[in-house]
Amino acid sequence: MTGTLKEAERQTGFDPVAVIDIGSNSVRLIVYEAAKRSPVPLFNEKAWCGLGRSIASSGRLSKDSVDKALRALKRFRAVSDQLGATQLQIIATAAAREAENGKVFIKQAEDICGAPIAVLTGKQEAELAAEGVIAGIHNADGLAADLGGGSLEIIDIKKQKLVGGVTLPLGGLRIIDIARGDRKEAAKFIDSQLAKVDWLERGRDRPFYAIGGTWRAFAKLHMAQTGYPLRVTHAYCLSVADALKFAHLVDHLSPSSLEGIDAISRARRETVPSGALVLERLMTCIKPSKIVMSSFGVREGVLHRLLPKSEQQRDGLIAACEDLAEQRTRSVEHAHELRAWTDKLFEPPGPKETADERRLRHAACLLADIGWRAHQEYRGRESLDTIAHGTFSGVSHADRAFLALAVFYRHEGLVNDHKEPDLHRLVSQEIAQKARIVGAAVRVAHMLSAGMAGVIGNTPLGYKARKLVLHLPPPYNILEGDRLMRRFAALANLLDREPEICFSEELKALEFLRV
């Protein structure tokens, strides 16, 4: 095939990696722009094949599901080539490893793809899912469970290390096949399988990471019901009480009762009730501190394993923000300067800041100029939407809201309460105030630098008694003006200080930081 991305756009830094996941419910292709710490999909498609639909009752893959899967694989191989994928990683899970005719199917699939297929053991599947969680959740520590169509994998993530790992025949399609619509029979079967795992109590009072499309659909339903202001399922957090209550509601529904609900796809409606029942029984058994949804799972785990250790250990959020800054800001060097320039505001006697808050502020500085190409009337809203719905890892929804609000305020300034974005609901008043401070500081910095590097490192901020002082030594004193003073006064007011601009070359009275 001609005209591939590999030929046309290699200068952009793309080095595509394709991952094909042959699951029990669907076969999916994701082509990532490169194997890196902050993966961004170039292409994402799934085909609903239902390979695991009749495994429990017949022990075999049906001819219809095999035909659908092989047809999808032909297309996915062609698309991978079209995008110039330099690597093709193919994995298969429960249905292929358990079916009597699984080996025959895998041989046919390998012939079509022209590449080997790794048929994962249950333990390998659990470990890859956990690696996906580690890649996608900052400092993940708790039990992770991946619910597929044919099986449920559970593993303990303890201080970034993987402990144990078990696979159970509790996939959504398998439960439907076994229980035949009888909820009590399904619950009895689920409980009997969970009773075989004697270490689930390790998850008590720790986060529980829920992986898999069925649980993501469950989360989307909950978001829709509660009017949640964000539509990103990754890192969506539910209290155990809310999860149990909602799961009990959903697991009593029939797939037909979910018809017409746009929050989830038609194909997912079949397995959501059984997935909710598995979640309910798990939560009752484990008693975790909270439920955190993870869109990062086995496929992202595959990609994570391709990275060198040094890249794996990078902060996923900062890596993503640095990538976006390089692509969209006028000067990535200026974005890095902002990190150090704003540090001074949060040193004593400024507002206190935790290590996690400092990390988020640094991320916000990297993102501060990503909307500069938009019309000035829309830069704030466009930046907010980009950050709110971006493919960031290592960030909670409250963290995501802070980042989006900080950059929104950088463009819009202080706004009236009735103009606050809905994301404001996801953060505390204290965090919202810090977002305003960061936004106001960046507004001052851009009045000085026009978004270019090499200026703000020579025009530092500092505290002096009850004043916030901006130093403008020669030759930077010519940058002084009414608009700069108004923005600086707004920043000082947020910090409960009086503004002062110092034009002296002497810095003896202040402990300024030169970048």
Protein backbone atom coordinates (compact mmCIF):
# COMPACT_ATOMS: atom_id res chain seq x y z
CA MET A 1 0.00 0.00 0.00
CA THR A 2 1.22 3.53 -0.74
CA GLY A 3 0.94 6.90 0.93
CA THR A 4 1.58 5.63 4.43
CA LEU A 5 1.96 7.79 7.48
CA LYS A 6 5.42 6.31 7.84
CA GLU A 7 6.43 7.87 4.52
CA ALA A 8 4.49 11.12 4.76
CA GLU A 9 4.86 12.23 8.35
CA ARG A 10 7.93 10.65 9.86
CA GLN A 11 9.36 14.15 10.32
CA THR A 12 6.66 14.81 12.94
CA GLY A 13 8.20 12.29 15.29
CA PHE A 14 5.58 9.57 14.72
CA ASP A 15 6.90 6.05 15.05
CA PRO A 16 3.62 4.12 15.12
CA VAL A 17 3.15 0.97 17.18
CA ALA A 18 0.08 -1.20 16.58
CA VAL A 19 -1.51 -3.39 19.25
CA ILE A 20 -4.22 -5.89 18.34
CA ASP A 21 -6.16 -7.39 21.24
CA ILE A 22 -8.16 -10.53 20.42
CA GLY A 23 -10.58 -10.57 23.34
CA SER A 24 -13.55 -12.71 24.27
CA ASN A 25 -16.05 -9.98 23.41
CA SER A 26 -14.29 -7.81 20.82
CA VAL A 27 -11.21 -7.66 18.64
CA ARG A 28 -9.58 -4.25 18.88
CA LEU A 29 -6.81 -2.39 17.08
CA ILE A 30 -5.08 0.61 18.59
CA VAL A 31 -2.23 2.26 16.72
CA TYR A 32 -0.26 4.57 19.00
CA GLU A 33 1.78 7.45 17.61
CA ALA A 34 4.89 5.94 19.25
CA ALA A 35 6.02 3.75 22.12
CA LYS A 36 6.48 6.39 24.79
CA ARG A 37 5.50 7.21 28.36
CA SER A 38 2.46 9.22 27.34
CA PRO A 39 0.81 7.17 24.58
CA VAL A 40 -1.63 8.87 22.20
CA PRO A 41 -3.75 6.74 19.83
CA LEU A 42 -3.52 7.56 16.13
CA PHE A 43 -6.28 5.09 15.35
CA ASN A 44 -8.69 3.06 17.47
CA GLU A 45 -11.26 0.55 16.22
CA LYS A 46 -13.00 -2.50 17.60
CA ALA A 47 -15.08 -5.24 16.05
CA TRP A 48 -17.71 -7.03 18.14
CA CYS A 49 -17.03 -10.70 17.44
CA GLY A 50 -18.21 -12.47 20.62
CA LEU A 51 -15.54 -15.19 20.56
CA GLY A 52 -16.28 -16.09 24.16
CA ARG A 53 -20.06 -16.19 23.87
CA SER A 54 -20.48 -19.99 23.94
CA ILE A 55 -17.26 -21.16 25.60
CA ALA A 56 -18.95 -22.19 28.86
CA SER A 57 -21.70 -24.24 27.21
CA SER A 58 -19.93 -25.66 24.15
CA GLY A 59 -16.22 -25.32 24.88
CA ARG A 60 -15.65 -24.01 21.34
CA LEU A 61 -15.44 -20.81 19.36
CA SER A 62 -18.46 -20.58 17.08
CA LYS A 63 -17.91 -20.46 13.33
CA ASP A 64 -19.73 -17.13 13.09
CA SER A 65 -17.55 -15.46 15.75
CA VAL A 66 -14.36 -16.88 14.18
CA ASP A 67 -15.36 -15.61 10.74
CA LYS A 68 -16.04 -12.13 12.15
CA ALA A 69 -12.71 -12.09 13.99
CA LEU A 70 -10.68 -13.20 10.97
CA ARG A 71 -12.40 -10.62 8.79
CA ALA A 72 -11.59 -7.91 11.34
CA LEU A 73 -7.96 -9.02 11.53
CA LYS A 74 -7.56 -8.70 7.74
CA ARG A 75 -8.73 -5.10 7.96
CA PHE A 76 -6.65 -4.32 11.04
CA ARG A 77 -3.46 -5.61 9.44
CA ALA A 78 -4.12 -3.43 6.39
CA VAL A 79 -4.82 -0.36 8.54
CA SER A 80 -1.62 -0.95 10.55
CA ASP A 81 0.35 -1.05 7.30
CA GLN A 82 -1.40 2.06 6.02
CA LEU A 83 -0.36 3.94 9.16
CA GLY A 84 3.21 2.74 8.81
CA ALA A 85 3.34 0.84 12.09
CA THR A 86 6.95 -0.11 12.80
CA GLN A 87 5.86 -2.70 15.38
CA LEU A 88 2.83 -4.97 15.51
CA GLN A 89 2.03 -6.57 18.87
CA ILE A 90 -0.85 -9.09 18.88
CA ILE A 91 -2.30 -10.70 21.99
CA ALA A 92 -5.18 -13.09 22.59
CA THR A 93 -6.94 -13.71 25.89
CA ALA A 94 -9.42 -16.08 27.57
CA ALA A 95 -11.54 -17.27 24.63
CA ALA A 96 -8.60 -18.22 22.44
CA ARG A 97 -6.66 -19.93 25.23
CA GLU A 98 -9.61 -21.95 26.57
CA ALA A 99 -11.52 -23.04 23.47
CA GLU A 100 -10.99 -26.51 22.05
CA ASN A 101 -10.48 -25.00 18.61
CA GLY A 102 -8.50 -22.04 19.93
CA LYS A 103 -5.16 -23.21 18.49
CA VAL A 104 -6.66 -23.66 15.04
CA PHE A 105 -8.13 -20.15 15.20
CA ILE A 106 -4.81 -18.65 16.33
CA LYS A 107 -2.98 -20.33 13.43
CA GLN A 108 -5.49 -18.86 10.97
CA ALA A 109 -5.14 -15.45 12.62
CA GLU A 110 -1.32 -15.57 12.46
CA ASP A 111 -1.45 -16.42 8.75
CA ILE A 112 -3.68 -13.40 8.13
CA CYS A 113 -1.65 -10.99 10.26
CA GLY A 114 1.74 -12.28 9.15
CA ALA A 115 2.92 -12.01 12.74
CA PRO A 116 3.03 -14.18 15.87
CA ILE A 117 0.19 -13.95 18.37
CA ALA A 118 0.90 -14.17 22.08
CA VAL A 119 -1.86 -16.21 23.74
CA LEU A 120 -1.70 -14.89 27.28
CA THR A 121 -2.08 -17.03 30.36
CA GLY A 122 -4.45 -15.70 32.98
CA LYS A 123 -1.52 -14.56 35.11
CA GLN A 124 0.13 -12.81 32.18
CA GLU A 125 -3.14 -11.05 31.37
CA ALA A 126 -3.45 -9.88 34.99
CA GLU A 127 0.13 -8.61 35.01
CA LEU A 128 -0.25 -6.68 31.74
CA ALA A 129 -3.50 -5.13 32.98
CA ALA A 130 -1.72 -4.05 36.16
CA GLU A 131 1.13 -2.54 34.16
CA GLY A 132 -1.47 -0.55 32.28
CA VAL A 133 -2.81 0.77 35.59
CA ILE A 134 0.71 1.69 36.72
CA ALA A 135 1.21 3.56 33.42
CA GLY A 136 -2.11 5.38 33.71
CA ILE A 137 -2.63 6.08 37.44
CA HIS A 138 -0.17 8.17 39.44
CA ASN A 139 1.28 6.14 42.34
CA ALA A 140 -1.27 3.33 41.93
CA ASP A 141 -1.52 1.11 45.02
CA GLY A 142 -4.41 -1.32 45.43
CA LEU A 143 -6.15 -4.27 43.85
CA ALA A 144 -6.71 -4.09 40.08
CA ALA A 145 -9.28 -6.20 38.25
CA ASP A 146 -9.81 -6.53 34.50
CA LEU A 147 -13.27 -7.68 33.45
CA GLY A 148 -13.43 -9.09 29.93
CA GLY A 149 -15.97 -11.10 28.04
CA GLY A 150 -14.58 -14.45 29.17
CA SER A 151 -12.65 -13.91 32.38
CA LEU A 152 -11.84 -11.65 35.31
CA GLU A 153 -8.21 -11.07 36.26
CA ILE A 154 -7.33 -9.74 39.73
CA ILE A 155 -3.88 -8.65 40.92
CA ASP A 156 -2.36 -6.62 43.74
CA ILE A 157 -0.33 -3.52 42.91
CA LYS A 158 1.82 -2.80 45.96
CA LYS A 159 4.23 0.15 45.75
CA GLN A 160 4.44 -0.24 41.96
CA LYS A 161 5.21 -3.96 42.32
CA LEU A 162 2.90 -6.76 41.17
CA VAL A 163 1.85 -9.34 43.75
CA GLY A 164 -0.08 -12.50 43.01
CA GLY A 165 -2.43 -12.55 40.07
CA VAL A 166 -5.39 -14.81 39.40
CA THR A 167 -7.87 -15.41 36.59
CA LEU A 168 -11.49 -16.41 37.21
CA PRO A 169 -14.22 -17.48 34.73
CA LEU A 170 -16.30 -14.40 35.46
CA GLY A 171 -16.37 -12.54 32.15
CA GLY A 172 -19.59 -10.83 31.13
CA LEU A 173 -20.41 -13.16 28.24
CA ARG A 174 -19.50 -16.26 30.25
CA ILE A 175 -21.86 -15.31 33.09
CA ILE A 176 -24.66 -14.75 30.58
CA ASP A 177 -23.91 -18.16 29.08
CA ILE A 178 -23.87 -19.90 32.48
CA ALA A 179 -26.74 -18.16 34.28
CA ARG A 180 -29.14 -17.85 31.32
CA GLY A 181 -30.68 -14.69 32.75
CA ASP A 182 -31.05 -15.96 36.31
CA ARG A 183 -29.55 -13.26 38.54
CA LYS A 184 -29.54 -15.42 41.69
CA GLU A 185 -27.74 -18.21 39.84
CA ALA A 186 -25.22 -15.70 38.49
CA ALA A 187 -24.56 -14.23 41.97
CA LYS A 188 -24.12 -17.71 43.41
CA PHE A 189 -21.59 -18.61 40.70
CA ILE A 190 -19.68 -15.34 41.17
CA ASP A 191 -19.45 -15.80 44.94
CA SER A 192 -18.25 -19.37 44.55
CA GLN A 193 -15.42 -18.24 42.29
CA LEU A 194 -14.38 -15.30 44.48
CA ALA A 195 -14.25 -17.64 47.50
CA LYS A 196 -11.36 -19.47 45.81
CA VAL A 197 -9.12 -16.37 46.18
CA ASP A 198 -7.88 -16.21 49.77
CA TRP A 199 -6.04 -12.89 49.51
CA LEU A 200 -8.80 -10.48 48.46
CA GLU A 201 -8.75 -8.94 51.95
CA ARG A 202 -5.48 -7.28 50.93
CA GLY A 203 -7.62 -4.77 49.10
CA ARG A 204 -9.51 -3.61 52.18
CA ASP A 205 -9.38 0.18 52.66
CA ARG A 206 -7.22 0.56 49.54
CA PRO A 207 -8.27 1.78 46.09
CA PHE A 208 -9.82 -0.73 43.70
CA TYR A 209 -8.91 -0.18 40.02
CA ALA A 210 -11.64 -1.33 37.62
CA ILE A 211 -10.48 -2.14 34.09
CA GLY A 212 -12.46 -3.20 31.03
CA GLY A 213 -15.05 -1.85 28.61
CA THR A 214 -18.03 -3.20 30.54
CA TRP A 215 -17.04 -1.34 33.68
CA ARG A 216 -16.30 1.79 31.67
CA ALA A 217 -19.84 1.57 30.30
CA PHE A 218 -21.09 1.23 33.88
CA ALA A 219 -19.17 4.40 34.78
CA LYS A 220 -20.66 6.25 31.79
CA LEU A 221 -24.15 5.33 32.98
CA HIS A 222 -23.36 6.66 36.45
CA MET A 223 -21.95 9.89 34.99
CA ALA A 224 -25.08 10.40 32.92
CA GLN A 225 -27.39 9.76 35.85
CA THR A 226 -25.57 12.19 38.16
CA GLY A 227 -25.03 14.95 35.59
CA TYR A 228 -21.27 14.71 36.00
CA PRO A 229 -19.47 17.62 34.28
CA LEU A 230 -16.83 15.47 32.56
CA ARG A 231 -17.12 12.59 30.10
CA VAL A 232 -13.70 11.05 30.63
CA THR A 233 -13.98 7.61 32.23
CA HIS A 234 -10.27 7.21 33.00
CA ALA A 235 -9.69 7.93 36.70
CA TYR A 236 -13.42 8.44 37.34
CA CYS A 237 -13.84 7.77 41.06
CA LEU A 238 -16.84 6.40 42.94
CA SER A 239 -17.33 5.89 46.65
CA VAL A 240 -17.99 2.29 47.64
CA ALA A 241 -21.47 3.21 48.87
CA ASP A 242 -22.36 4.90 45.56
CA ALA A 243 -20.89 2.05 43.53
CA LEU A 244 -22.81 -0.60 45.49
CA LYS A 245 -26.08 1.29 45.26
CA PHE A 246 -25.77 1.90 41.54
CA ALA A 247 -24.49 -1.61 40.80
CA HIS A 248 -27.48 -3.08 42.63
CA LEU A 249 -29.76 -0.97 40.44
CA VAL A 250 -28.01 -1.86 37.16
CA ASP A 251 -27.52 -5.58 37.80
CA HIS A 252 -31.31 -5.98 38.12
CA LEU A 253 -31.85 -4.50 34.65
CA SER A 254 -32.25 -6.48 31.47
CA PRO A 255 -30.29 -5.51 28.35
CA SER A 256 -33.55 -4.51 26.69
CA SER A 257 -34.24 -2.00 29.46
CA LEU A 258 -31.00 -0.22 28.49
CA GLU A 259 -32.22 0.36 24.94
CA GLY A 260 -32.29 4.01 24.01
CA ILE A 261 -29.63 5.02 26.56
CA ASP A 262 -27.03 6.90 24.53
CA ALA A 263 -24.40 6.90 27.29
CA ILE A 264 -23.30 3.37 26.34
CA SER A 265 -22.99 1.57 23.02
CA ARG A 266 -25.55 -0.98 21.89
CA ALA A 267 -22.96 -3.77 22.05
CA ARG A 268 -22.11 -3.02 25.70
CA ARG A 269 -25.73 -3.10 26.89
CA GLU A 270 -25.72 -6.88 26.89
CA THR A 271 -22.88 -7.26 29.41
CA VAL A 272 -23.38 -4.21 31.65
CA PRO A 273 -25.88 -5.89 34.04
CA SER A 274 -23.63 -8.91 34.60
CA GLY A 275 -20.59 -6.63 34.92
CA ALA A 276 -22.43 -4.60 37.56
CA LEU A 277 -23.21 -7.78 39.46
CA VAL A 278 -19.54 -8.83 39.43
CA LEU A 279 -18.57 -5.39 40.73
CA GLU A 280 -21.20 -5.53 43.47
CA ARG A 281 -20.04 -8.95 44.70
CA LEU A 282 -16.38 -7.91 44.52
CA MET A 283 -16.96 -4.73 46.53
CA THR A 284 -18.89 -6.63 49.16
CA CYS A 285 -16.03 -9.09 49.45
CA ILE A 286 -13.05 -6.69 49.31
CA LYS A 287 -14.39 -3.53 51.02
CA PRO A 288 -11.98 -1.12 49.30
CA SER A 289 -11.61 2.59 50.08
CA LYS A 290 -12.94 3.68 46.67
CA ILE A 291 -13.41 2.53 43.07
CA VAL A 292 -11.23 4.12 40.38
CA MET A 293 -11.94 3.43 36.71
CA SER A 294 -8.91 2.80 34.51
CA SER A 295 -9.02 3.12 30.73
CA PHE A 296 -5.44 1.88 30.77
CA GLY A 297 -5.30 -1.91 30.76
CA VAL A 298 -3.72 -4.82 28.90
CA ARG A 299 -3.03 -2.94 25.66
CA GLU A 300 -1.35 -0.06 27.46
CA GLY A 301 0.52 -2.64 29.53
CA VAL A 302 1.88 -4.14 26.30
CA LEU A 303 3.07 -0.70 25.21
CA HIS A 304 4.51 0.05 28.65
CA ARG A 305 6.66 -3.08 28.50
CA LEU A 306 8.23 -1.90 25.25
CA LEU A 307 9.70 1.14 27.01
CA PRO A 308 13.14 1.25 28.62
CA LYS A 309 13.09 1.46 32.42
CA SER A 310 14.14 5.11 32.35
CA GLU A 311 11.09 6.00 30.25
CA GLN A 312 8.74 3.88 32.37
CA GLN A 313 9.82 5.79 35.47
CA ARG A 314 8.98 9.21 34.01
CA ASP A 315 5.92 11.01 35.36
CA GLY A 316 3.17 10.24 32.84
CA LEU A 317 1.40 13.58 33.33
CA ILE A 318 4.52 15.70 32.96
CA ALA A 319 5.56 13.66 29.91
CA ALA A 320 2.17 14.28 28.28
CA CYS A 321 2.29 18.00 29.08
CA GLU A 322 5.81 18.32 27.72
CA ASP A 323 4.71 16.63 24.49
CA LEU A 324 1.75 18.98 24.15
CA ALA A 325 3.92 22.01 24.93
CA GLU A 326 6.36 21.02 22.19
CA GLN A 327 3.53 20.63 19.69
CA ARG A 328 1.37 23.65 20.50
CA THR A 329 3.16 26.40 22.43
CA ARG A 330 5.14 29.28 20.99
CA SER A 331 8.16 28.35 23.11
CA VAL A 332 8.57 25.16 25.13
CA GLU A 333 11.58 26.78 26.82
CA HIS A 334 9.28 29.52 28.07
CA ALA A 335 6.88 26.88 29.42
CA HIS A 336 9.72 25.40 31.45
CA GLU A 337 10.76 28.86 32.66
CA LEU A 338 7.23 29.41 33.97
CA ARG A 339 7.60 26.42 36.26
CA ALA A 340 10.58 27.94 38.05
CA TRP A 341 9.22 31.52 37.89
CA THR A 342 6.00 30.56 39.69
CA ASP A 343 7.87 28.48 42.30
CA LYS A 344 8.65 31.69 44.18
CA LEU A 345 4.95 32.43 44.72
CA PHE A 346 4.49 29.24 46.71
CA GLU A 347 7.53 29.54 48.92
CA PRO A 348 7.12 31.10 52.42
CA PRO A 349 5.37 33.41 53.11
CA GLY A 350 3.23 32.47 50.09
CA PRO A 351 0.44 29.87 50.02
CA LYS A 352 1.40 26.40 51.21
CA GLU A 353 1.69 23.80 48.50
CA THR A 354 1.96 20.02 48.71
CA ALA A 355 4.29 18.00 46.48
CA ASP A 356 1.29 16.84 44.41
CA GLU A 357 0.05 20.42 44.02
CA ARG A 358 3.51 21.54 42.92
CA ARG A 359 3.50 18.78 40.31
CA LEU A 360 0.14 20.00 39.00
CA ARG A 361 1.27 23.62 38.91
CA HIS A 362 4.31 22.65 36.87
CA ALA A 363 2.01 20.74 34.50
CA ALA A 364 -0.28 23.78 34.19
CA CYS A 365 2.71 25.96 33.28
CA LEU A 366 3.62 23.56 30.48
CA LEU A 367 0.05 23.79 29.14
CA ALA A 368 -0.42 27.52 29.62
CA ASP A 369 0.11 28.54 25.98
CA ILE A 370 -1.43 25.62 24.08
CA GLY A 371 -4.42 27.72 22.94
CA TRP A 372 -2.50 30.64 21.43
CA ARG A 373 -3.49 29.82 17.83
CA ALA A 374 -7.21 30.10 18.58
CA HIS A 375 -9.12 33.36 18.25
CA GLN A 376 -8.57 35.41 21.39
CA GLU A 377 -12.26 35.25 22.29
CA TYR A 378 -12.11 31.43 22.46
CA ARG A 379 -8.64 30.64 23.77
CA GLY A 380 -9.80 30.08 27.32
CA ARG A 381 -12.65 27.75 26.43
CA GLU A 382 -10.65 25.87 23.79
CA SER A 383 -7.75 25.33 26.17
CA LEU A 384 -10.13 24.21 28.92
CA ASP A 385 -11.80 21.65 26.63
CA THR A 386 -8.46 20.37 25.31
CA ILE A 387 -7.16 19.75 28.82
CA ALA A 388 -10.44 18.46 30.26
CA HIS A 389 -10.78 15.81 27.55
CA GLY A 390 -7.13 15.22 26.64
CA THR A 391 -5.42 11.82 26.68
CA PHE A 392 -3.55 12.48 29.92
CA SER A 393 -2.35 9.76 32.25
CA GLY A 394 -1.41 10.04 35.89
CA VAL A 395 -4.11 12.57 36.70
CA SER A 396 -7.35 12.37 38.70
CA HIS A 397 -10.49 14.20 37.62
CA ALA A 398 -9.96 16.85 40.28
CA ASP A 399 -6.37 17.26 39.05
CA ARG A 400 -7.59 17.53 35.46
CA ALA A 401 -10.08 20.19 36.52
CA PHE A 402 -7.34 22.19 38.27
CA LEU A 403 -5.18 22.15 35.13
CA ALA A 404 -8.05 23.15 32.88
CA LEU A 405 -9.20 25.95 35.20
CA ALA A 406 -5.68 27.36 35.67
CA VAL A 407 -5.21 27.71 31.91
CA PHE A 408 -8.78 28.99 31.50
CA TYR A 409 -8.10 31.75 34.06
CA ARG A 410 -4.79 32.49 32.30
CA HIS A 411 -6.83 33.57 29.25
CA GLU A 412 -10.06 34.82 30.83
CA GLY A 413 -8.80 36.40 34.04
CA LEU A 414 -11.08 36.33 37.06
CA VAL A 415 -14.68 35.55 36.11
CA ASN A 416 -18.03 35.99 37.80
CA ASP A 417 -19.44 32.98 39.60
CA HIS A 418 -22.16 32.49 37.00
CA LYS A 419 -19.47 32.24 34.29
CA GLU A 420 -17.41 29.60 36.08
CA PRO A 421 -16.98 26.44 33.97
CA ASP A 422 -18.84 23.34 35.21
CA LEU A 423 -15.47 21.76 36.01
CA HIS A 424 -15.31 24.15 38.96
CA ARG A 425 -17.60 21.66 40.77
CA LEU A 426 -14.81 19.06 40.85
CA VAL A 427 -12.36 21.04 42.99
CA SER A 428 -12.40 22.53 46.47
CA GLN A 429 -12.47 26.29 47.04
CA GLU A 430 -8.83 26.13 48.12
CA ILE A 431 -7.74 24.37 44.94
CA ALA A 432 -9.86 26.70 42.79
CA GLN A 433 -8.11 29.65 44.42
CA LYS A 434 -4.70 28.15 43.61
CA ALA A 435 -5.82 27.68 40.01
CA ARG A 436 -6.70 31.39 39.91
CA ILE A 437 -3.29 32.29 41.34
CA VAL A 438 -1.48 30.20 38.73
CA GLY A 439 -3.63 31.63 35.95
CA ALA A 440 -3.06 35.20 37.15
CA ALA A 441 0.71 34.62 37.44
CA VAL A 442 0.90 33.31 33.88
CA ARG A 443 -1.05 36.37 32.69
CA VAL A 444 1.65 38.58 34.21
CA ALA A 445 4.45 36.45 32.76
CA HIS A 446 3.04 36.64 29.24
CA MET A 447 2.70 40.42 29.46
CA LEU A 448 6.43 40.48 30.12
CA SER A 449 7.63 37.81 27.71
CA ALA A 450 5.00 37.59 24.95
CA GLY A 451 5.43 33.87 25.32
CA MET A 452 9.12 33.92 24.42
CA ALA A 453 11.98 32.45 26.46
CA GLY A 454 14.77 34.43 28.08
CA VAL A 455 12.80 37.21 29.80
CA ILE A 456 11.02 36.09 32.96
CA GLY A 457 14.18 34.49 34.33
CA ASN A 458 15.51 38.05 34.57
CA THR A 459 12.31 39.57 35.98
CA PRO A 460 11.73 37.58 39.17
CA LEU A 461 8.94 37.75 41.72
CA GLY A 462 9.40 37.89 45.48
CA TYR A 463 7.75 38.75 48.79
CA LYS A 464 8.76 41.74 50.89
CA ALA A 465 6.81 42.30 54.10
CA ARG A 466 3.16 42.65 52.98
CA LYS A 467 4.08 43.27 49.37
CA LEU A 468 4.45 41.17 46.27
CA VAL A 469 7.30 42.62 44.28
CA LEU A 470 8.04 42.26 40.57
CA HIS A 471 11.59 43.19 39.66
CA LEU A 472 12.12 44.91 36.31
CA PRO A 473 15.81 45.80 36.13
CA PRO A 474 17.24 47.50 33.04
CA PRO A 475 16.75 46.81 30.16
CA TYR A 476 13.46 45.10 31.12
CA ASN A 477 12.12 48.25 32.79
CA ILE A 478 10.81 49.40 29.41
CA LEU A 479 8.24 46.59 29.60
CA GLU A 480 6.36 48.46 32.35
CA GLY A 481 2.85 49.59 31.39
CA ASP A 482 -0.72 50.04 32.62
CA ARG A 483 -1.92 46.64 31.45
CA LEU A 484 0.99 44.85 33.07
CA MET A 485 0.34 46.77 36.30
CA ARG A 486 -3.35 45.80 36.29
CA ARG A 487 -2.54 42.14 35.84
CA PHE A 488 0.17 42.24 38.47
CA ALA A 489 -2.18 44.01 40.91
CA ALA A 490 -4.80 41.28 40.34
CA LEU A 491 -2.18 38.61 41.17
CA ALA A 492 -1.08 40.47 44.30
CA ASN A 493 -4.71 40.81 45.41
CA LEU A 494 -5.24 37.05 45.13
CA LEU A 495 -2.23 36.61 47.42
CA ASP A 496 -3.51 39.28 49.86
CA ARG A 497 -0.49 41.49 49.14
CA GLU A 498 0.14 45.00 47.88
CA PRO A 499 1.74 45.13 44.41
CA GLU A 500 5.10 46.82 43.91
CA ILE A 501 7.29 46.99 40.81
CA CYS A 502 10.97 47.52 41.52
CA PHE A 503 13.15 49.01 38.80
CA SER A 504 16.43 48.85 40.71
CA GLU A 505 19.31 46.65 39.60
CA GLU A 506 19.90 45.72 43.25
CA LEU A 507 18.29 42.56 44.60
CA LYS A 508 19.83 42.65 48.07
CA ALA A 509 16.57 43.28 49.89
CA LEU A 510 14.81 40.36 48.28
CA GLU A 511 15.57 36.70 47.90
CA PHE A 512 14.81 36.48 44.19
CA LEU A 513 15.26 33.37 42.12
CA ARG A 514 17.04 33.76 38.81
CA VAL A 515 16.12 31.06 36.31
